[in-house]
Amino acid sequence: MSCFYLTTPIYYVNDAPHIGHAYTTVAADVLTRWHRQRQEDVWFLTGTDEHGEKVMRTAEARGVAPQQWADNLVETEWRPLLNLLNVRNDDFIRTTDERHVVAVQKFIQRLYDAGDIYKGKFEGPYCVACEEFKLPGDLLEEGGQLLCKIHGRPVELLSEENYFFPLSQYGERLLELYESNPDFVQPASARNEVIGFVKQGLRDLSISRSSFDWGIELPWDSGHVLYVWFDALLNYATAIGLEDESKKDEFSRIWPANVHLVGKDILRFHAVIWPAMLMAAGIELPKTVFAHGWLLVGGEKMSKTKLTGIHPREIVDVFGSDAFRYYFTRAVQFGHDGSFSWEDLSARYNAELANGLGNLASRVAAMVGKYFGGVLPEPGSVTDAETELEAVANAAVADAEAAIDRISTTDAVAAVWTLVDATNQYLTEQEPWKVAKLPGEMGADGAGANGGRLATILVTAAEALRSLAILLNPVTPIAAQGLWDLLGAAVLGELDRQPVAAAASFGKLPAGTPVTKGDALFPRIEEA
């Protein structure tokens, strides 16, 4: 079985993370956890981009060396973010890691030796925030200044003698790639943008800088450091053993990447430059570059520069990591821009998590406790109502699986949530609290009777909750485990080992399984 390999972008260490970074990381974690729930071999990489002029200037402005600045931010902010969000990554790559630096120098030397690198002079507008030379269409003119469209900052006019990669020679091969493999760039809007960009004609890429030294030194010319994007893009391959003979088998097992998740502002680097680099080196291309939209605050892209950055901790400290993960998976259509608001987060938490799922679990556990002494009874005859609820579970699994395969975490969670709503509706319609009062449903000792209608209703509801625990484990892992424990489902094994494909089949929990109410999965949060 081949490995499912997914990466996030590696994040700049010029500042602390905001929820835009967390959004990408959580989406990656949900996708990889889902593939793990399928019992697949999975590798999930994230990390930090620590070279380049932007990081150097940030460090200098604070009176510290770039390496010291990067070390501090990685250890106090970027690694802790993963724990804060309950992210289950397999590796964390830093571009200052020796394994990365050595591999990058071997890779670039290989291109140089093959004649794919030449020396020349470049002049043009450069955005330090983007770490990119800008084309005329990427700029705005305001007050006599040229501004970067993305950051709204003035660009700098640079003139340097640099080394170049002949990107212009790869235009036709790239267009053939997009044509023969429509899934290489997703979603379709991103693919169309990339095709339009390449059709305009590519210019050769300056891949070195000589005006500063914070970067990976070119092995054949110590006066130049490698352009930060040429350095950064290679992380996806160096982390798993590119150019390392001792890790040749590991590289073959994991590469190529199945999905590179990127923000749409860095799409061109990943969909144009990255495949061209790999083509030049004769390395198999990744399968998909997926560009998601921006998180907007007040109608603008989240940005530390514009003081619109919200630290993920501000949300997690109030609502918890599960609610953070659920909200940004559910509320923002993956692949499109989406707006964040505290009001919407609070409303969804209370309506969908606390009332929708949490209250459902609490009601079922309470009724099993009240009517059957806290253990699941033997169910009775199945009616159309039970068959229909199991059909909803089967549809939820099928629809969610299809959504994951097209990299739509939003649609996957929406599909799963149909089972939450249907189970709540099932209980409302079947009215087990009224059924308990019917003759024959309760024995002389006041305990529920095995094989009765009441038993069937509560066992069916418990089975729906068991399905939900499996399906929500990639999204809300803490609550899903809580639900698994509440149901006494450990009798079936560990939650992580339950295959998604079997999640919808009812009748798994044996009679006599203890069901305990426990703490609320999502405690209500009262507004101050």
Protein backbone atom coordinates (compact mmCIF):
# COMPACT_ATOMS: atom_id res chain seq x y z
CA MET A 1 0.00 0.00 0.00
CA SER A 2 1.43 3.37 -1.01
CA CYS A 3 1.94 6.12 1.53
CA PHE A 4 -0.41 9.11 1.67
CA TYR A 5 1.97 12.07 1.98
CA LEU A 6 0.61 15.54 2.72
CA THR A 7 2.41 18.79 3.48
CA THR A 8 1.53 22.24 4.71
CA PRO A 9 3.55 25.22 3.52
CA ILE A 10 6.49 25.88 5.79
CA TYR A 11 5.69 29.06 7.65
CA TYR A 12 7.82 32.19 7.84
CA VAL A 13 9.30 32.83 11.28
CA ASN A 14 9.13 36.60 10.97
CA ASP A 15 6.36 36.60 13.61
CA ALA A 16 4.12 34.45 15.79
CA PRO A 17 1.40 32.35 14.10
CA HIS A 18 -2.13 33.64 13.56
CA ILE A 19 -5.32 31.73 12.81
CA GLY A 20 -4.61 31.85 9.08
CA HIS A 21 -1.60 29.58 9.66
CA ALA A 22 -3.61 27.43 12.06
CA TYR A 23 -6.39 27.09 9.47
CA THR A 24 -4.04 25.45 6.96
CA THR A 25 -2.46 23.22 9.60
CA VAL A 26 -5.80 22.02 10.96
CA ALA A 27 -7.08 21.25 7.45
CA ALA A 28 -3.94 19.19 6.85
CA ASP A 29 -4.39 17.38 10.14
CA VAL A 30 -8.05 16.57 9.45
CA LEU A 31 -7.16 15.18 6.03
CA THR A 32 -4.28 13.06 7.30
CA ARG A 33 -6.20 11.83 10.35
CA TRP A 34 -9.01 10.78 8.01
CA HIS A 35 -6.58 8.77 5.89
CA ARG A 36 -5.19 7.23 9.09
CA GLN A 37 -8.76 6.34 10.09
CA ARG A 38 -8.92 4.45 6.78
CA GLN A 39 -5.97 2.49 8.18
CA GLU A 40 -3.63 3.84 5.49
CA ASP A 41 0.08 4.52 5.75
CA VAL A 42 0.31 8.30 6.21
CA TRP A 43 3.09 10.91 6.43
CA PHE A 44 2.29 14.49 7.44
CA LEU A 45 4.95 17.20 7.25
CA THR A 46 4.91 20.77 8.46
CA GLY A 47 7.64 23.18 9.50
CA THR A 48 9.20 26.62 9.27
CA ASP A 49 10.89 28.72 6.59
CA GLU A 50 13.73 30.56 8.29
CA HIS A 51 15.94 32.08 5.61
CA GLY A 52 15.57 35.17 3.45
CA GLU A 53 15.66 38.92 3.73
CA LYS A 54 12.34 39.27 5.53
CA VAL A 55 13.45 37.10 8.46
CA MET A 56 16.86 38.77 8.54
CA ARG A 57 15.37 42.27 8.70
CA THR A 58 12.87 41.25 11.38
CA ALA A 59 15.68 39.86 13.55
CA GLU A 60 17.89 42.90 13.00
CA ALA A 61 15.06 45.25 13.97
CA ARG A 62 14.90 43.44 17.31
CA GLY A 63 18.64 43.42 17.83
CA VAL A 64 19.20 39.67 17.59
CA ALA A 65 20.86 37.33 15.11
CA PRO A 66 18.52 35.65 12.59
CA GLN A 67 19.28 32.15 13.92
CA GLN A 68 18.56 33.24 17.49
CA TRP A 69 15.31 34.85 16.37
CA ALA A 70 14.25 31.72 14.49
CA ASP A 71 15.19 29.36 17.32
CA ASN A 72 13.20 31.38 19.82
CA LEU A 73 10.06 31.65 17.69
CA VAL A 74 10.09 27.99 16.70
CA GLU A 75 10.37 26.80 20.30
CA THR A 76 8.00 29.33 21.90
CA GLU A 77 5.38 29.67 19.17
CA TRP A 78 5.46 27.35 16.16
CA ARG A 79 6.05 23.97 17.81
CA PRO A 80 3.66 24.76 20.69
CA LEU A 81 0.99 25.67 18.12
CA LEU A 82 0.86 22.01 17.07
CA ASN A 83 0.16 20.89 20.62
CA LEU A 84 -2.35 23.68 21.11
CA LEU A 85 -4.36 22.50 18.10
CA ASN A 86 -3.87 18.77 18.82
CA VAL A 87 -2.05 18.28 15.50
CA ARG A 88 -0.59 14.84 14.78
CA ASN A 89 2.27 15.60 12.38
CA ASP A 90 4.97 13.03 11.62
CA ASP A 91 7.82 15.47 11.09
CA PHE A 92 8.71 19.13 11.54
CA ILE A 93 11.25 20.52 9.09
CA ARG A 94 13.25 23.71 9.59
CA THR A 95 15.18 25.17 6.68
CA THR A 96 18.09 25.77 9.06
CA ASP A 97 18.24 22.03 9.84
CA GLU A 98 21.54 20.52 8.74
CA ARG A 99 19.70 17.71 6.93
CA HIS A 100 17.93 20.33 4.80
CA VAL A 101 20.95 22.56 4.16
CA VAL A 102 23.18 19.66 3.06
CA ALA A 103 20.51 18.20 0.77
CA VAL A 104 19.71 21.58 -0.80
CA GLN A 105 23.37 22.21 -1.59
CA LYS A 106 23.66 18.78 -3.22
CA PHE A 107 20.52 19.39 -5.26
CA ILE A 108 21.54 22.83 -6.49
CA GLN A 109 25.07 21.61 -7.27
CA ARG A 110 23.53 18.85 -9.37
CA LEU A 111 21.57 21.40 -11.41
CA TYR A 112 24.65 23.61 -11.77
CA ASP A 113 26.81 20.69 -12.95
CA ALA A 114 24.13 19.77 -15.50
CA GLY A 115 24.23 23.29 -16.96
CA ASP A 116 20.80 24.27 -15.63
CA ILE A 117 22.15 27.29 -13.73
CA TYR A 118 23.78 30.35 -15.31
CA LYS A 119 25.01 33.73 -14.13
CA GLY A 120 23.41 37.00 -15.18
CA LYS A 121 22.12 40.36 -14.01
CA PHE A 122 18.62 41.15 -12.82
CA GLU A 123 16.86 44.42 -12.22
CA GLY A 124 13.31 44.78 -11.03
CA PRO A 125 10.81 45.48 -8.25
CA TYR A 126 11.11 43.15 -5.26
CA CYS A 127 8.64 42.62 -2.41
CA VAL A 128 10.52 41.60 0.72
CA ALA A 129 7.30 40.42 2.41
CA CYS A 130 6.61 38.03 -0.50
CA GLU A 131 10.32 37.37 -1.12
CA GLU A 132 9.52 37.71 -4.81
CA PHE A 133 10.44 39.79 -7.83
CA LYS A 134 7.16 41.26 -9.07
CA LEU A 135 5.64 41.47 -12.52
CA PRO A 136 3.82 44.66 -13.59
CA GLY A 137 0.45 42.97 -13.06
CA ASP A 138 1.38 42.19 -9.45
CA LEU A 139 1.77 45.87 -8.54
CA LEU A 140 -0.39 48.86 -7.66
CA GLU A 141 0.61 52.49 -8.10
CA GLU A 142 -0.32 54.81 -5.28
CA GLY A 143 1.07 58.23 -4.46
CA GLY A 144 3.89 57.78 -6.93
CA GLN A 145 4.95 54.47 -5.36
CA LEU A 146 4.67 50.91 -6.59
CA LEU A 147 2.98 48.66 -4.04
CA CYS A 148 2.67 44.89 -3.74
CA LYS A 149 -0.97 43.93 -4.32
CA ILE A 150 -0.87 41.30 -1.57
CA HIS A 151 0.80 43.25 1.23
CA GLY A 152 0.10 46.84 0.23
CA ARG A 153 3.74 47.70 0.92
CA PRO A 154 6.17 49.58 -1.36
CA VAL A 155 8.41 47.31 -3.40
CA GLU A 156 12.15 47.85 -3.65
CA LEU A 157 13.95 48.23 -6.98
CA LEU A 158 16.88 45.83 -6.96
CA SER A 159 19.78 45.39 -9.31
CA GLU A 160 22.08 42.44 -8.68
CA GLU A 161 24.33 40.01 -10.46
CA ASN A 162 22.74 36.65 -9.64
CA TYR A 163 22.53 33.06 -10.75
CA PHE A 164 19.49 32.05 -12.77
CA PHE A 165 17.38 28.97 -13.38
CA PRO A 166 16.03 28.82 -16.98
CA LEU A 167 12.36 28.69 -16.01
CA SER A 168 11.34 30.10 -19.41
CA GLN A 169 12.33 26.77 -21.00
CA TYR A 170 9.67 24.88 -19.02
CA GLY A 171 6.53 26.71 -20.15
CA GLU A 172 5.38 24.11 -22.68
CA ARG A 173 6.16 21.18 -20.39
CA LEU A 174 4.19 22.81 -17.59
CA LEU A 175 1.18 23.46 -19.83
CA GLU A 176 1.31 19.83 -20.94
CA LEU A 177 1.35 18.82 -17.27
CA TYR A 178 -1.75 20.87 -16.45
CA GLU A 179 -3.52 19.54 -19.55
CA SER A 180 -2.69 15.86 -19.01
CA ASN A 181 -3.21 15.98 -15.25
CA PRO A 182 -6.09 18.34 -14.39
CA ASP A 183 -5.80 17.38 -10.72
CA PHE A 184 -2.25 18.72 -10.44
CA VAL A 185 -3.56 22.16 -9.48
CA GLN A 186 -6.79 22.40 -7.51
CA PRO A 187 -9.37 23.82 -7.23
CA ALA A 188 -10.33 24.58 -10.84
CA SER A 189 -10.13 28.34 -10.28
CA ALA A 190 -6.51 27.98 -9.14
CA ARG A 191 -5.70 25.77 -12.11
CA ASN A 192 -7.11 28.33 -14.53
CA GLU A 193 -5.09 31.09 -12.88
CA VAL A 194 -1.86 29.12 -13.21
CA ILE A 195 -2.50 28.20 -16.85
CA GLY A 196 -3.21 31.84 -17.68
CA PHE A 197 -0.01 32.92 -15.94
CA VAL A 198 2.19 30.40 -17.76
CA LYS A 199 0.60 31.15 -21.14
CA GLN A 200 1.72 34.78 -20.78
CA GLY A 201 5.29 33.51 -20.94
CA LEU A 202 7.75 32.70 -18.17
CA ARG A 203 10.96 34.54 -17.47
CA ASP A 204 14.09 32.95 -16.05
CA LEU A 205 14.23 32.87 -12.28
CA SER A 206 16.90 34.59 -10.22
CA ILE A 207 17.88 31.94 -7.68
CA SER A 208 20.56 33.69 -5.65
CA ARG A 209 21.14 36.89 -3.73
CA SER A 210 24.47 38.57 -3.03
CA SER A 211 23.33 41.63 -1.06
CA PHE A 212 22.87 39.71 2.23
CA ASP A 213 24.12 36.42 3.68
CA TRP A 214 21.17 34.92 5.63
CA GLY A 215 20.55 31.85 3.54
CA ILE A 216 22.09 28.66 2.20
CA GLU A 217 25.43 29.39 0.58
CA LEU A 218 25.88 28.29 -3.01
CA PRO A 219 28.47 25.48 -2.93
CA TRP A 220 30.38 26.84 -5.94
CA ASP A 221 30.19 30.56 -5.05
CA SER A 222 30.33 31.62 -1.38
CA GLY A 223 29.41 35.18 -2.32
CA HIS A 224 25.82 34.13 -3.02
CA VAL A 225 23.05 32.59 -0.95
CA LEU A 226 20.21 30.65 -2.49
CA TYR A 227 16.94 32.45 -3.22
CA VAL A 228 14.65 31.68 -0.32
CA TRP A 229 11.89 30.06 -2.40
CA PHE A 230 14.31 27.74 -4.21
CA ASP A 231 15.51 26.75 -0.75
CA ALA A 232 12.07 26.49 0.88
CA LEU A 233 10.31 24.45 -1.80
CA LEU A 234 12.86 21.68 -1.47
CA ASN A 235 11.78 21.02 2.14
CA TYR A 236 9.03 18.69 0.94
CA ALA A 237 11.68 16.35 -0.44
CA THR A 238 14.67 16.97 1.87
CA ALA A 239 12.59 16.12 4.95
CA ILE A 240 12.10 12.56 3.72
CA GLY A 241 15.62 11.93 2.48
CA LEU A 242 16.26 13.65 -0.86
CA GLU A 243 19.98 13.45 -1.71
CA ASP A 244 20.58 11.16 1.32
CA GLU A 245 21.66 7.66 0.28
CA SER A 246 20.98 6.30 3.78
CA LYS A 247 17.31 7.29 3.41
CA LYS A 248 16.82 6.14 -0.15
CA ASP A 249 14.24 3.51 0.81
CA GLU A 250 12.30 5.94 2.98
CA PHE A 251 12.21 8.50 0.20
CA SER A 252 10.95 5.89 -2.28
CA ARG A 253 8.23 4.80 0.17
CA ILE A 254 6.89 8.28 0.84
CA TRP A 255 7.53 10.33 -2.32
CA PRO A 256 5.80 11.70 -4.35
CA ALA A 257 3.65 13.93 -2.20
CA ASN A 258 -0.05 13.32 -2.64
CA VAL A 259 -1.08 16.84 -1.62
CA HIS A 260 0.75 20.12 -1.05
CA LEU A 261 -1.66 22.41 0.80
CA VAL A 262 -0.85 26.07 0.14
CA GLY A 263 -2.46 29.46 0.49
CA LYS A 264 -3.48 30.98 -2.83
CA ASP A 265 -0.90 33.76 -2.48
CA ILE A 266 1.94 31.22 -2.85
CA LEU A 267 0.29 29.12 -5.55
CA ARG A 268 2.62 30.15 -8.40
CA PHE A 269 5.73 29.07 -6.50
CA HIS A 270 4.28 25.61 -5.96
CA ALA A 271 2.48 25.10 -9.28
CA VAL A 272 5.11 26.64 -11.59
CA ILE A 273 8.57 26.88 -10.03
CA TRP A 274 8.43 23.68 -7.95
CA PRO A 275 7.47 21.28 -10.76
CA ALA A 276 10.02 22.91 -13.05
CA MET A 277 12.75 22.34 -10.45
CA LEU A 278 11.77 18.69 -10.18
CA MET A 279 11.60 18.28 -13.94
CA ALA A 280 15.14 19.65 -14.22
CA ALA A 281 16.37 17.15 -11.64
CA GLY A 282 14.43 14.21 -13.09
CA ILE A 283 12.38 13.70 -9.94
CA GLU A 284 8.78 12.50 -10.00
CA LEU A 285 6.27 15.30 -9.53
CA PRO A 286 3.80 15.60 -6.63
CA LYS A 287 0.22 14.61 -7.43
CA THR A 288 -1.69 17.71 -6.33
CA VAL A 289 -1.09 21.30 -5.29
CA PHE A 290 -4.24 22.51 -3.55
CA ALA A 291 -4.62 26.26 -3.02
CA HIS A 292 -7.10 27.23 -0.35
CA GLY A 293 -8.53 30.69 0.16
CA TRP A 294 -7.75 33.35 2.72
CA LEU A 295 -9.27 33.87 6.12
CA LEU A 296 -10.67 37.38 6.15
CA VAL A 297 -11.11 39.67 9.12
CA GLY A 298 -13.06 42.82 8.46
CA GLY A 299 -13.00 41.97 4.75
CA GLU A 300 -9.17 41.80 4.57
CA LYS A 301 -6.67 38.93 4.49
CA MET A 302 -5.45 38.11 7.96
CA SER A 303 -2.09 39.73 8.44
CA LYS A 304 0.29 40.59 11.25
CA THR A 305 1.45 43.50 9.10
CA LYS A 306 -2.04 45.02 9.12
CA LEU A 307 -2.61 44.09 12.78
CA THR A 308 -5.49 41.77 11.87
CA GLY A 309 -3.74 38.63 13.08
CA ILE A 310 -5.54 36.69 15.81
CA HIS A 311 -3.46 34.19 17.76
CA PRO A 312 -5.07 30.73 17.83
CA ARG A 313 -4.61 30.65 21.60
CA GLU A 314 -7.20 33.41 21.96
CA ILE A 315 -9.82 31.02 20.58
CA VAL A 316 -8.60 27.74 22.06
CA ASP A 317 -8.41 29.18 25.58
CA VAL A 318 -12.15 29.92 25.43
CA PHE A 319 -13.64 27.22 23.20
CA GLY A 320 -11.05 24.42 23.22
CA SER A 321 -9.04 22.86 20.40
CA ASP A 322 -11.89 20.64 19.17
CA ALA A 323 -14.16 23.63 18.66
CA PHE A 324 -11.36 25.49 16.85
CA ARG A 325 -10.82 22.50 14.56
CA TYR A 326 -14.54 22.01 13.94
CA TYR A 327 -15.29 25.66 13.26
CA PHE A 328 -12.56 26.26 10.70
CA THR A 329 -13.31 22.96 8.99
CA ARG A 330 -17.08 23.49 8.94
CA ALA A 331 -17.66 27.22 8.57
CA VAL A 332 -15.17 28.11 5.81
CA GLN A 333 -15.61 26.34 2.46
CA PHE A 334 -12.18 24.88 1.81
CA GLY A 335 -10.71 26.30 -1.37
CA HIS A 336 -12.52 29.64 -1.04
CA ASP A 337 -12.05 32.80 0.99
CA GLY A 338 -13.99 32.88 4.23
CA SER A 339 -14.68 35.41 6.96
CA PHE A 340 -14.08 34.83 10.64
CA SER A 341 -16.18 36.36 13.39
CA TRP A 342 -16.35 35.68 17.10
CA GLU A 343 -20.15 35.86 16.93
CA ASP A 344 -20.39 33.11 14.34
CA LEU A 345 -17.93 30.93 16.22
CA SER A 346 -19.91 31.30 19.47
CA ALA A 347 -23.24 30.65 17.76
CA ARG A 348 -21.99 27.50 16.01
CA TYR A 349 -20.34 26.22 19.18
CA ASN A 350 -23.57 26.44 21.14
CA ALA A 351 -25.97 25.35 18.40
CA GLU A 352 -23.98 22.63 16.67
CA LEU A 353 -21.48 21.31 19.21
CA ALA A 354 -23.01 21.89 22.64
CA ASN A 355 -26.67 21.42 21.67
CA GLY A 356 -26.40 19.37 18.47
CA LEU A 357 -23.78 16.73 19.31
CA GLY A 358 -23.02 17.18 23.00
CA ASN A 359 -26.63 17.21 24.12
CA LEU A 360 -27.42 14.23 21.89
CA ALA A 361 -24.72 12.13 23.56
CA SER A 362 -25.79 13.29 27.01
CA ARG A 363 -29.48 12.45 26.39
CA VAL A 364 -28.75 8.95 25.10
CA ALA A 365 -26.40 8.16 28.00
CA ALA A 366 -28.88 9.56 30.52
CA MET A 367 -31.75 7.46 29.15
CA VAL A 368 -29.66 4.28 29.07
CA GLY A 369 -28.76 5.05 32.67
CA LYS A 370 -32.35 5.78 33.71
CA TYR A 371 -34.13 2.95 31.93
CA PHE A 372 -31.47 0.21 31.70
CA GLY A 373 -29.16 0.77 34.64
CA GLY A 374 -26.35 2.16 32.48
CA VAL A 375 -25.84 -0.88 30.21
CA LEU A 376 -27.01 -1.40 26.65
CA PRO A 377 -29.98 -3.76 26.42
CA GLU A 378 -30.70 -6.39 23.83
CA PRO A 379 -32.60 -4.59 21.05
CA GLY A 380 -35.93 -5.76 19.71
CA SER A 381 -37.40 -5.74 16.23
CA VAL A 382 -36.16 -3.16 13.73
CA THR A 383 -38.65 -0.84 12.04
CA ASP A 384 -38.37 1.46 9.03
CA ALA A 385 -37.21 4.25 11.38
CA GLU A 386 -34.08 2.31 12.36
CA THR A 387 -33.40 1.22 8.79
CA GLU A 388 -33.68 4.82 7.61
CA LEU A 389 -31.25 6.09 10.26
CA GLU A 390 -28.70 3.44 9.31
CA ALA A 391 -29.16 4.49 5.68
CA VAL A 392 -28.34 8.08 6.70
CA ALA A 393 -25.17 6.78 8.36
CA ASN A 394 -24.18 4.89 5.22
CA ALA A 395 -24.78 7.95 3.05
CA ALA A 396 -22.81 10.11 5.47
CA VAL A 397 -19.82 7.78 5.24
CA ALA A 398 -19.97 7.57 1.43
CA ASP A 399 -20.40 11.33 0.97
CA ALA A 400 -17.68 12.19 3.49
CA GLU A 401 -15.24 9.75 1.90
CA ALA A 402 -15.85 11.27 -1.53
CA ALA A 403 -15.39 14.77 -0.10
CA ILE A 404 -12.07 13.85 1.49
CA ASP A 405 -10.86 12.43 -1.82
CA ARG A 406 -11.60 15.74 -3.54
CA ILE A 407 -9.93 17.60 -0.64
CA SER A 408 -13.11 19.20 0.66
CA THR A 409 -12.92 18.98 4.44
CA THR A 410 -15.94 21.28 4.65
CA ASP A 411 -18.15 18.95 2.64
CA ALA A 412 -16.89 15.96 4.60
CA VAL A 413 -17.94 17.42 7.92
CA ALA A 414 -21.25 18.59 6.47
CA ALA A 415 -21.90 15.00 5.35
CA VAL A 416 -21.08 13.64 8.81
CA TRP A 417 -23.32 16.22 10.44
CA THR A 418 -26.35 14.87 8.58
CA LEU A 419 -26.12 11.91 10.97
CA VAL A 420 -26.06 14.20 14.01
CA ASP A 421 -29.21 15.95 12.79
CA ALA A 422 -30.92 12.71 11.75
CA THR A 423 -30.24 11.06 15.12
CA ASN A 424 -31.64 14.03 16.99
CA GLN A 425 -34.69 13.91 14.73
CA TYR A 426 -35.00 10.15 15.26
CA LEU A 427 -35.19 10.59 19.04
CA THR A 428 -37.66 13.44 18.68
CA GLU A 429 -39.95 11.30 16.52
CA GLN A 430 -39.57 8.02 18.44
CA GLU A 431 -40.06 9.71 21.84
CA PRO A 432 -38.36 7.04 24.00
CA TRP A 433 -39.45 8.87 27.17
CA LYS A 434 -43.06 8.19 26.16
CA VAL A 435 -42.34 4.64 24.98
CA ALA A 436 -40.98 3.89 28.48
CA LYS A 437 -44.48 4.45 29.87
CA LEU A 438 -46.13 1.90 27.56
CA PRO A 439 -47.21 -1.48 28.96
CA GLY A 440 -44.49 -4.13 28.80
CA GLU A 441 -41.61 -1.73 28.27
CA MET A 442 -40.64 -1.62 31.93
CA GLY A 443 -40.50 -4.63 34.21
CA ALA A 444 -41.97 -4.89 37.67
CA ASP A 445 -38.66 -3.74 39.11
CA GLY A 446 -38.81 -0.57 37.06
CA ALA A 447 -35.99 -1.62 34.72
CA GLY A 448 -36.34 -1.58 30.95
CA ALA A 449 -37.10 -4.84 29.21
CA ASN A 450 -34.69 -6.43 26.76
CA GLY A 451 -36.13 -6.86 23.30
CA GLY A 452 -38.64 -4.08 23.68
CA ARG A 453 -39.22 -0.98 21.59
CA LEU A 454 -37.45 1.25 24.10
CA ALA A 455 -34.36 -0.96 23.93
CA THR A 456 -34.34 -0.80 20.13
CA ILE A 457 -34.54 3.00 20.09
CA LEU A 458 -31.72 3.55 22.57
CA VAL A 459 -29.43 0.90 21.06
CA THR A 460 -29.98 2.44 17.61
CA ALA A 461 -29.15 5.90 18.93
CA ALA A 462 -26.02 4.50 20.60
CA GLU A 463 -24.97 2.89 17.32
CA ALA A 464 -25.37 6.22 15.53
CA LEU A 465 -23.16 7.82 18.18
CA ARG A 466 -20.59 5.05 17.68
CA SER A 467 -20.54 5.88 13.96
CA LEU A 468 -20.14 9.57 14.79
CA ALA A 469 -17.22 8.90 17.13
CA ILE A 470 -15.35 7.22 14.26
CA LEU A 471 -16.27 9.84 11.65
CA LEU A 472 -15.49 12.82 13.90
CA ASN A 473 -12.24 11.41 15.27
CA PRO A 474 -10.23 13.22 12.54
CA VAL A 475 -12.03 16.51 13.23
CA THR A 476 -12.70 16.64 16.98
CA PRO A 477 -10.41 13.93 18.37
CA ILE A 478 -10.85 14.81 22.05
CA ALA A 479 -14.66 14.80 21.89
CA ALA A 480 -14.66 11.70 19.68
CA GLN A 481 -12.60 9.81 22.26
CA GLY A 482 -14.92 11.08 24.98
CA LEU A 483 -17.88 9.77 23.02
CA TRP A 484 -16.14 6.42 22.47
CA ASP A 485 -15.52 6.14 26.22
CA LEU A 486 -19.09 7.20 27.06
CA LEU A 487 -20.41 4.37 24.89
CA GLY A 488 -18.09 1.78 26.43
CA ALA A 489 -16.90 1.15 22.90
CA ALA A 490 -13.41 0.15 24.06
CA VAL A 491 -14.87 -3.36 23.91
CA LEU A 492 -14.51 -2.98 20.11
CA GLY A 493 -10.88 -1.83 20.31
CA GLU A 494 -9.11 1.52 20.06
CA LEU A 495 -10.96 4.32 18.31
CA ASP A 496 -8.03 5.02 15.95
CA ARG A 497 -8.20 1.44 14.70
CA GLN A 498 -11.83 1.60 13.59
CA PRO A 499 -11.98 1.69 9.77
CA VAL A 500 -14.08 4.49 8.29
CA ALA A 501 -15.64 2.10 5.79
CA ALA A 502 -17.24 0.06 8.58
CA ALA A 503 -18.41 3.04 10.61
CA ALA A 504 -21.98 3.06 9.32
CA SER A 505 -22.89 -0.58 9.98
CA PHE A 506 -25.10 -0.74 13.07
CA GLY A 507 -25.20 -3.66 15.48
CA LYS A 508 -21.59 -3.50 16.66
CA LEU A 509 -22.04 -2.67 20.34
CA PRO A 510 -22.89 -5.85 22.30
CA ALA A 511 -25.68 -6.00 24.84
CA GLY A 512 -24.33 -5.40 28.32
CA THR A 513 -21.90 -2.69 27.21
CA PRO A 514 -21.69 -0.04 29.97
CA VAL A 515 -22.75 3.46 28.98
CA THR A 516 -21.76 6.32 31.28
CA LYS A 517 -22.86 9.92 30.98
CA GLY A 518 -19.61 11.54 32.18
CA ASP A 519 -18.66 15.16 31.53
CA ALA A 520 -20.29 17.18 28.75
CA LEU A 521 -18.43 16.80 25.44
CA PHE A 522 -18.90 20.51 24.76
CA PRO A 523 -19.80 22.46 27.90
CA ARG A 524 -22.00 25.46 27.22
CA ILE A 525 -20.12 28.73 27.25
CA GLU A 526 -22.08 31.56 28.71
CA GLU A 527 -21.57 34.96 27.18
CA ALA A 528 -19.94 37.47 29.49
